Amino acid sequence: MIAYFIKAIILAVAFTLAEQALLPKIGLGFLLESGATPSTVYLPCGYGLVIMIVTYTYFWVLLVGMGIGKARQEYSELAEKDGEKQVEERYKLPNLYAQGTSKHARAFNCVQRSHQQLLETLPGYFCTVLLSGLEFPVATFVLASMWLYSRMLWVKSYAKSKGDPAKRYDHPFSRFFWQAKLTLFMTSWFVAIELLTGRKIFWDSVLGSSK
């Protein structure tokens, strides 16, 4: 766990510093400037990217949830075909997970768990993305996109694991969402520190007049 925190700090420093140093040099500095309309005067223009990734993530989570009903129907039919008893009582709603340890019950429960665990961690993801993006919109957008891609791989692997939860990490990038989550936590703290100190300390003192 300590190693994850150390990596998160390193990534947070690297992404936020790169955003502040590189965007003005490649003609994208406007993304860090406040908007012109009354509703965006206190937000950087790049915050639009944050809103886009958050709403897209929410839409994707809805699609994942819709797939649970399809999986419940599929595996209950397979269980009934294989002669399992009390299929209706064990697989159907209001049961969150299928009861029993048959291969079909375990397979469905992996699909269900992929969605449930996603929902359990989603509030923290949304919170850190929306807060971190107040000061570092582009770095936040990139980290959130990497989190989302990693999560998609994780959910897909978990749903196709056929009852073997260890397969949820089959893809080499499927673990990265944990690292991205911690990094967004760190960048959110960067924003909190700047609010408490009342000045931009990440990264004006380092970049000086180069911006």
C-alpha atoms as a PDB file:
ATOM      1  CA  MET A   1       0.000   0.000   0.000  1.00  0.00           C
ATOM      2  CA  ILE A   2       2.851   2.390   0.791  1.00  0.00           C
ATOM      3  CA  ALA A   3       4.266   1.774  -2.674  1.00  0.00           C
ATOM      4  CA  TYR A   4       0.902   2.714  -4.211  1.00  0.00           C
ATOM      5  CA  PHE A   5       0.861   6.002  -2.267  1.00  0.00           C
ATOM      6  CA  ILE A   6       4.418   6.817  -3.302  1.00  0.00           C
ATOM      7  CA  LYS A   7       3.563   6.152  -6.947  1.00  0.00           C
ATOM      8  CA  ALA A   8       0.397   8.246  -6.571  1.00  0.00           C
ATOM      9  CA  ILE A   9       2.389  11.224  -5.293  1.00  0.00           C
ATOM     10  CA  ILE A  10       4.916  10.872  -8.120  1.00  0.00           C
ATOM     11  CA  LEU A  11       2.164  10.639 -10.745  1.00  0.00           C
ATOM     12  CA  ALA A  12       0.244  13.543  -9.226  1.00  0.00           C
ATOM     13  CA  VAL A  13       3.341  15.740  -9.352  1.00  0.00           C
ATOM     14  CA  ALA A  14       4.209  14.623 -12.895  1.00  0.00           C
ATOM     15  CA  PHE A  15       0.729  15.096 -14.383  1.00  0.00           C
ATOM     16  CA  THR A  16      -0.031  18.449 -12.763  1.00  0.00           C
ATOM     17  CA  LEU A  17       3.417  19.879 -13.472  1.00  0.00           C
ATOM     18  CA  ALA A  18       3.254  18.710 -17.087  1.00  0.00           C
ATOM     19  CA  GLU A  19      -0.159  20.345 -17.475  1.00  0.00           C
ATOM     20  CA  GLN A  20       0.982  23.698 -16.112  1.00  0.00           C
ATOM     21  CA  ALA A  21       4.283  23.694 -17.998  1.00  0.00           C
ATOM     22  CA  LEU A  22       3.383  22.209 -21.376  1.00  0.00           C
ATOM     23  CA  LEU A  23      -0.118  23.427 -22.260  1.00  0.00           C
ATOM     24  CA  PRO A  24       0.835  27.116 -22.623  1.00  0.00           C
ATOM     25  CA  LYS A  25       3.767  26.133 -24.844  1.00  0.00           C
ATOM     26  CA  ILE A  26       1.617  24.138 -27.270  1.00  0.00           C
ATOM     27  CA  GLY A  27      -1.144  26.712 -27.579  1.00  0.00           C
ATOM     28  CA  LEU A  28      -3.573  25.096 -25.135  1.00  0.00           C
ATOM     29  CA  GLY A  29      -3.028  27.450 -22.234  1.00  0.00           C
ATOM     30  CA  PHE A  30      -6.607  28.713 -22.602  1.00  0.00           C
ATOM     31  CA  LEU A  31      -7.767  25.456 -21.010  1.00  0.00           C
ATOM     32  CA  LEU A  32      -6.287  26.693 -17.736  1.00  0.00           C
ATOM     33  CA  GLU A  33      -7.906  30.137 -17.953  1.00  0.00           C
ATOM     34  CA  SER A  34     -11.281  31.063 -16.492  1.00  0.00           C
ATOM     35  CA  GLY A  35     -14.350  30.961 -18.707  1.00  0.00           C
ATOM     36  CA  ALA A  36     -16.026  34.085 -20.105  1.00  0.00           C
ATOM     37  CA  THR A  37     -19.661  33.333 -19.226  1.00  0.00           C
ATOM     38  CA  PRO A  38     -21.149  34.077 -15.769  1.00  0.00           C
ATOM     39  CA  SER A  39     -21.541  30.377 -15.036  1.00  0.00           C
ATOM     40  CA  THR A  40     -17.899  29.589 -15.819  1.00  0.00           C
ATOM     41  CA  VAL A  41     -16.092  32.727 -14.638  1.00  0.00           C
ATOM     42  CA  TYR A  42     -14.680  30.856 -11.643  1.00  0.00           C
ATOM     43  CA  LEU A  43     -13.829  27.686 -13.560  1.00  0.00           C
ATOM     44  CA  PRO A  44     -11.015  26.939 -16.013  1.00  0.00           C
ATOM     45  CA  CYS A  45     -12.175  26.386 -19.596  1.00  0.00           C
ATOM     46  CA  GLY A  46     -10.699  22.904 -19.424  1.00  0.00           C
ATOM     47  CA  TYR A  47     -13.266  21.979 -16.789  1.00  0.00           C
ATOM     48  CA  GLY A  48     -15.520  21.157 -19.706  1.00  0.00           C
ATOM     49  CA  LEU A  49     -13.316  18.091 -20.244  1.00  0.00           C
ATOM     50  CA  VAL A  50     -13.928  17.082 -16.630  1.00  0.00           C
ATOM     51  CA  ILE A  51     -17.688  17.346 -17.088  1.00  0.00           C
ATOM     52  CA  MET A  52     -17.465  15.267 -20.259  1.00  0.00           C
ATOM     53  CA  ILE A  53     -15.512  12.392 -18.678  1.00  0.00           C
ATOM     54  CA  VAL A  54     -17.746  12.338 -15.581  1.00  0.00           C
ATOM     55  CA  THR A  55     -20.985  12.211 -17.571  1.00  0.00           C
ATOM     56  CA  TYR A  56     -19.575   9.630 -19.986  1.00  0.00           C
ATOM     57  CA  THR A  57     -18.508   7.473 -17.034  1.00  0.00           C
ATOM     58  CA  TYR A  58     -22.007   7.709 -15.573  1.00  0.00           C
ATOM     59  CA  PHE A  59     -23.539   6.664 -18.903  1.00  0.00           C
ATOM     60  CA  TRP A  60     -21.165   3.693 -19.130  1.00  0.00           C
ATOM     61  CA  VAL A  61     -22.052   2.591 -15.586  1.00  0.00           C
ATOM     62  CA  LEU A  62     -25.730   2.662 -16.568  1.00  0.00           C
ATOM     63  CA  LEU A  63     -24.959   0.352 -19.498  1.00  0.00           C
ATOM     64  CA  VAL A  64     -23.067  -2.027 -17.204  1.00  0.00           C
ATOM     65  CA  GLY A  65     -26.073  -2.103 -14.892  1.00  0.00           C
ATOM     66  CA  MET A  66     -28.416  -2.923 -17.759  1.00  0.00           C
ATOM     67  CA  GLY A  67     -26.224  -5.894 -18.606  1.00  0.00           C
ATOM     68  CA  ILE A  68     -26.773  -7.399 -15.155  1.00  0.00           C
ATOM     69  CA  GLY A  69     -30.415  -8.142 -15.889  1.00  0.00           C
ATOM     70  CA  LYS A  70     -29.452  -9.871 -19.115  1.00  0.00           C
ATOM     71  CA  ALA A  71     -26.835 -11.963 -17.308  1.00  0.00           C
ATOM     72  CA  ARG A  72     -29.299 -12.896 -14.571  1.00  0.00           C
ATOM     73  CA  GLN A  73     -31.732 -14.195 -17.169  1.00  0.00           C
ATOM     74  CA  GLU A  74     -28.995 -16.030 -19.089  1.00  0.00           C
ATOM     75  CA  TYR A  75     -27.535 -17.881 -16.121  1.00  0.00           C
ATOM     76  CA  SER A  76     -30.900 -18.720 -14.562  1.00  0.00           C
ATOM     77  CA  GLU A  77     -31.909 -20.336 -17.851  1.00  0.00           C
ATOM     78  CA  LEU A  78     -28.636 -22.279 -17.993  1.00  0.00           C
ATOM     79  CA  ALA A  79     -29.121 -23.398 -14.395  1.00  0.00           C
ATOM     80  CA  GLU A  80     -32.654 -24.578 -15.138  1.00  0.00           C
ATOM     81  CA  LYS A  81     -31.444 -26.390 -18.263  1.00  0.00           C
ATOM     82  CA  ASP A  82     -28.791 -28.208 -16.213  1.00  0.00           C
ATOM     83  CA  GLY A  83     -31.374 -29.349 -13.691  1.00  0.00           C
ATOM     84  CA  GLU A  84     -30.583 -27.062 -10.780  1.00  0.00           C
ATOM     85  CA  LYS A  85     -33.328 -26.881  -8.164  1.00  0.00           C
ATOM     86  CA  GLN A  86     -35.216 -23.797  -6.978  1.00  0.00           C
ATOM     87  CA  VAL A  87     -33.791 -21.661  -9.753  1.00  0.00           C
ATOM     88  CA  GLU A  88     -36.471 -18.996  -9.424  1.00  0.00           C
ATOM     89  CA  GLU A  89     -35.862 -18.546  -5.686  1.00  0.00           C
ATOM     90  CA  ARG A  90     -32.068 -18.615  -5.968  1.00  0.00           C
ATOM     91  CA  TYR A  91     -31.391 -16.495  -9.060  1.00  0.00           C
ATOM     92  CA  LYS A  92     -34.209 -14.032  -9.504  1.00  0.00           C
ATOM     93  CA  LEU A  93     -34.764 -10.662  -7.810  1.00  0.00           C
ATOM     94  CA  PRO A  94     -34.859  -9.500  -5.057  1.00  0.00           C
ATOM     95  CA  ASN A  95     -31.704 -11.608  -4.613  1.00  0.00           C
ATOM     96  CA  LEU A  96     -28.679  -9.451  -5.342  1.00  0.00           C
ATOM     97  CA  TYR A  97     -26.470 -12.506  -5.810  1.00  0.00           C
ATOM     98  CA  ALA A  98     -27.483 -16.004  -6.862  1.00  0.00           C
ATOM     99  CA  GLN A  99     -27.619 -18.425  -3.960  1.00  0.00           C
ATOM    100  CA  GLY A 100     -25.483 -21.561  -4.050  1.00  0.00           C
ATOM    101  CA  THR A 101     -22.084 -22.546  -5.400  1.00  0.00           C
ATOM    102  CA  SER A 102     -22.954 -24.116  -8.746  1.00  0.00           C
ATOM    103  CA  LYS A 103     -20.912 -23.087 -11.775  1.00  0.00           C
ATOM    104  CA  HIS A 104     -23.742 -20.958 -13.089  1.00  0.00           C
ATOM    105  CA  ALA A 105     -24.336 -19.274  -9.732  1.00  0.00           C
ATOM    106  CA  ARG A 106     -20.635 -18.456  -9.401  1.00  0.00           C
ATOM    107  CA  ALA A 107     -20.470 -17.181 -12.980  1.00  0.00           C
ATOM    108  CA  PHE A 108     -23.440 -14.863 -12.484  1.00  0.00           C
ATOM    109  CA  ASN A 109     -22.153 -13.670  -9.124  1.00  0.00           C
ATOM    110  CA  CYS A 110     -18.914 -12.581 -10.775  1.00  0.00           C
ATOM    111  CA  VAL A 111     -20.925 -10.508 -13.249  1.00  0.00           C
ATOM    112  CA  GLN A 112     -22.979  -9.029 -10.413  1.00  0.00           C
ATOM    113  CA  ARG A 113     -19.900  -8.324  -8.312  1.00  0.00           C
ATOM    114  CA  SER A 114     -18.222  -6.474 -11.184  1.00  0.00           C
ATOM    115  CA  HIS A 115     -21.101  -4.010 -11.123  1.00  0.00           C
ATOM    116  CA  GLN A 116     -21.556  -3.857  -7.371  1.00  0.00           C
ATOM    117  CA  GLN A 117     -17.902  -3.147  -6.626  1.00  0.00           C
ATOM    118  CA  LEU A 118     -17.939  -0.464  -9.305  1.00  0.00           C
ATOM    119  CA  LEU A 119     -20.888   1.230  -7.602  1.00  0.00           C
ATOM    120  CA  GLU A 120     -19.168   1.036  -4.209  1.00  0.00           C
ATOM    121  CA  THR A 121     -16.143   2.998  -5.423  1.00  0.00           C
ATOM    122  CA  LEU A 122     -17.874   5.357  -7.874  1.00  0.00           C
ATOM    123  CA  PRO A 123     -18.726   8.176  -5.403  1.00  0.00           C
ATOM    124  CA  GLY A 124     -15.058   8.563  -4.457  1.00  0.00           C
ATOM    125  CA  TYR A 125     -14.062   8.638  -8.111  1.00  0.00           C
ATOM    126  CA  PHE A 126     -16.618  11.336  -8.975  1.00  0.00           C
ATOM    127  CA  CYS A 127     -15.674  13.386  -5.914  1.00  0.00           C
ATOM    128  CA  THR A 128     -11.932  13.422  -6.615  1.00  0.00           C
ATOM    129  CA  VAL A 129     -12.392  14.065 -10.340  1.00  0.00           C
ATOM    130  CA  LEU A 130     -14.729  17.022  -9.807  1.00  0.00           C
ATOM    131  CA  LEU A 131     -12.497  18.534  -7.115  1.00  0.00           C
ATOM    132  CA  SER A 132      -9.144  17.904  -8.783  1.00  0.00           C
ATOM    133  CA  GLY A 133     -10.443  19.359 -12.033  1.00  0.00           C
ATOM    134  CA  LEU A 134     -11.040  22.748 -10.427  1.00  0.00           C
ATOM    135  CA  GLU A 135      -7.332  23.502 -10.682  1.00  0.00           C
ATOM    136  CA  PHE A 136      -5.892  20.784 -12.909  1.00  0.00           C
ATOM    137  CA  PRO A 137      -8.599  20.059 -15.523  1.00  0.00           C
ATOM    138  CA  VAL A 138      -6.439  18.470 -18.210  1.00  0.00           C
ATOM    139  CA  ALA A 139      -4.367  16.311 -15.856  1.00  0.00           C
ATOM    140  CA  THR A 140      -7.624  15.241 -14.188  1.00  0.00           C
ATOM    141  CA  PHE A 141      -9.216  14.420 -17.542  1.00  0.00           C
ATOM    142  CA  VAL A 142      -6.250  12.236 -18.527  1.00  0.00           C
ATOM    143  CA  LEU A 143      -6.168  10.418 -15.171  1.00  0.00           C
ATOM    144  CA  ALA A 144      -9.942   9.923 -15.178  1.00  0.00           C
ATOM    145  CA  SER A 145      -9.802   8.570 -18.736  1.00  0.00           C
ATOM    146  CA  MET A 146      -7.098   6.104 -17.727  1.00  0.00           C
ATOM    147  CA  TRP A 147      -9.185   5.110 -14.694  1.00  0.00           C
ATOM    148  CA  LEU A 148     -12.193   4.547 -16.945  1.00  0.00           C
ATOM    149  CA  TYR A 149     -10.291   2.458 -19.483  1.00  0.00           C
ATOM    150  CA  SER A 150      -8.777   0.339 -16.717  1.00  0.00           C
ATOM    151  CA  ARG A 151     -12.207  -0.103 -15.146  1.00  0.00           C
ATOM    152  CA  MET A 152     -13.706  -1.188 -18.464  1.00  0.00           C
ATOM    153  CA  LEU A 153     -11.054  -3.883 -18.804  1.00  0.00           C
ATOM    154  CA  TRP A 154     -11.602  -4.978 -15.210  1.00  0.00           C
ATOM    155  CA  VAL A 155     -15.390  -5.219 -15.547  1.00  0.00           C
ATOM    156  CA  LYS A 156     -15.123  -7.082 -18.842  1.00  0.00           C
ATOM    157  CA  SER A 157     -12.639  -9.601 -17.437  1.00  0.00           C
ATOM    158  CA  TYR A 158     -14.681 -10.107 -14.267  1.00  0.00           C
ATOM    159  CA  ALA A 159     -17.904 -10.636 -16.205  1.00  0.00           C
ATOM    160  CA  LYS A 160     -16.246 -13.211 -18.478  1.00  0.00           C
ATOM    161  CA  SER A 161     -14.425 -15.035 -15.684  1.00  0.00           C
ATOM    162  CA  LYS A 162     -17.024 -17.836 -15.508  1.00  0.00           C
ATOM    163  CA  GLY A 163     -16.852 -17.936 -11.733  1.00  0.00           C
ATOM    164  CA  ASP A 164     -13.120 -17.387 -11.245  1.00  0.00           C
ATOM    165  CA  PRO A 165     -12.732 -13.905  -9.702  1.00  0.00           C
ATOM    166  CA  ALA A 166      -8.933 -13.988 -10.048  1.00  0.00           C
ATOM    167  CA  LYS A 167      -9.404 -13.500 -13.801  1.00  0.00           C
ATOM    168  CA  ARG A 168     -10.641  -9.940 -13.259  1.00  0.00           C
ATOM    169  CA  TYR A 169      -7.007  -8.864 -13.357  1.00  0.00           C
ATOM    170  CA  ASP A 170      -6.064 -10.867 -16.444  1.00  0.00           C
ATOM    171  CA  HIS A 171      -5.325  -7.754 -18.496  1.00  0.00           C
ATOM    172  CA  PRO A 172      -2.060  -6.059 -17.451  1.00  0.00           C
ATOM    173  CA  PHE A 173      -3.754  -2.628 -17.303  1.00  0.00           C
ATOM    174  CA  SER A 174      -6.808  -3.762 -15.324  1.00  0.00           C
ATOM    175  CA  ARG A 175      -5.147  -2.934 -11.981  1.00  0.00           C
ATOM    176  CA  PHE A 176      -4.275   0.632 -12.897  1.00  0.00           C
ATOM    177  CA  PHE A 177      -7.590   2.094 -11.769  1.00  0.00           C
ATOM    178  CA  TRP A 178      -6.434   1.684  -8.163  1.00  0.00           C
ATOM    179  CA  GLN A 179      -3.335   3.755  -8.928  1.00  0.00           C
ATOM    180  CA  ALA A 180      -5.376   6.351 -10.813  1.00  0.00           C
ATOM    181  CA  LYS A 181      -7.805   6.571  -7.897  1.00  0.00           C
ATOM    182  CA  LEU A 182      -5.011   7.329  -5.437  1.00  0.00           C
ATOM    183  CA  THR A 183      -3.429   9.822  -7.822  1.00  0.00           C
ATOM    184  CA  LEU A 184      -6.720  11.714  -8.150  1.00  0.00           C
ATOM    185  CA  PHE A 185      -6.893  11.721  -4.368  1.00  0.00           C
ATOM    186  CA  MET A 186      -3.469  13.386  -4.280  1.00  0.00           C
ATOM    187  CA  THR A 187      -4.328  15.994  -6.919  1.00  0.00           C
ATOM    188  CA  SER A 188      -7.494  16.810  -4.970  1.00  0.00           C
ATOM    189  CA  TRP A 189      -5.304  17.495  -1.959  1.00  0.00           C
ATOM    190  CA  PHE A 190      -3.186  19.799  -4.118  1.00  0.00           C
ATOM    191  CA  VAL A 191      -6.344  21.817  -4.762  1.00  0.00           C
ATOM    192  CA  ALA A 192      -7.250  21.784  -1.055  1.00  0.00           C
ATOM    193  CA  ILE A 193      -3.790  23.068  -0.093  1.00  0.00           C
ATOM    194  CA  GLU A 194      -4.044  25.909  -2.599  1.00  0.00           C
ATOM    195  CA  LEU A 195      -7.448  26.910  -1.235  1.00  0.00           C
ATOM    196  CA  LEU A 196      -6.177  26.847   2.350  1.00  0.00           C
ATOM    197  CA  THR A 197      -3.056  28.863   1.551  1.00  0.00           C
ATOM    198  CA  GLY A 198      -4.912  31.278  -0.714  1.00  0.00           C
ATOM    199  CA  ARG A 199      -2.340  31.094  -3.499  1.00  0.00           C
ATOM    200  CA  LYS A 200      -1.276  28.935  -6.407  1.00  0.00           C
ATOM    201  CA  ILE A 201       1.659  26.897  -5.135  1.00  0.00           C
ATOM    202  CA  PHE A 202       1.410  24.094  -7.715  1.00  0.00           C
ATOM    203  CA  TRP A 203       3.366  24.989  -9.831  1.00  0.00           C
ATOM    204  CA  ASP A 204       3.955  28.731 -10.127  1.00  0.00           C
ATOM    205  CA  SER A 205       6.947  28.746  -7.790  1.00  0.00           C
ATOM    206  CA  VAL A 206       8.639  26.046  -9.859  1.00  0.00           C
ATOM    207  CA  LEU A 207       7.827  27.397 -13.315  1.00  0.00           C
ATOM    208  CA  GLY A 208       8.394  31.023 -12.411  1.00  0.00           C
ATOM    209  CA  SER A 209       8.119  33.300 -15.399  1.00  0.00           C
ATOM    210  CA  SER A 210       8.317  30.470 -17.944  1.00  0.00           C
ATOM    211  CA  LYS A 211       4.508  30.286 -18.191  1.00  0.00           C
END
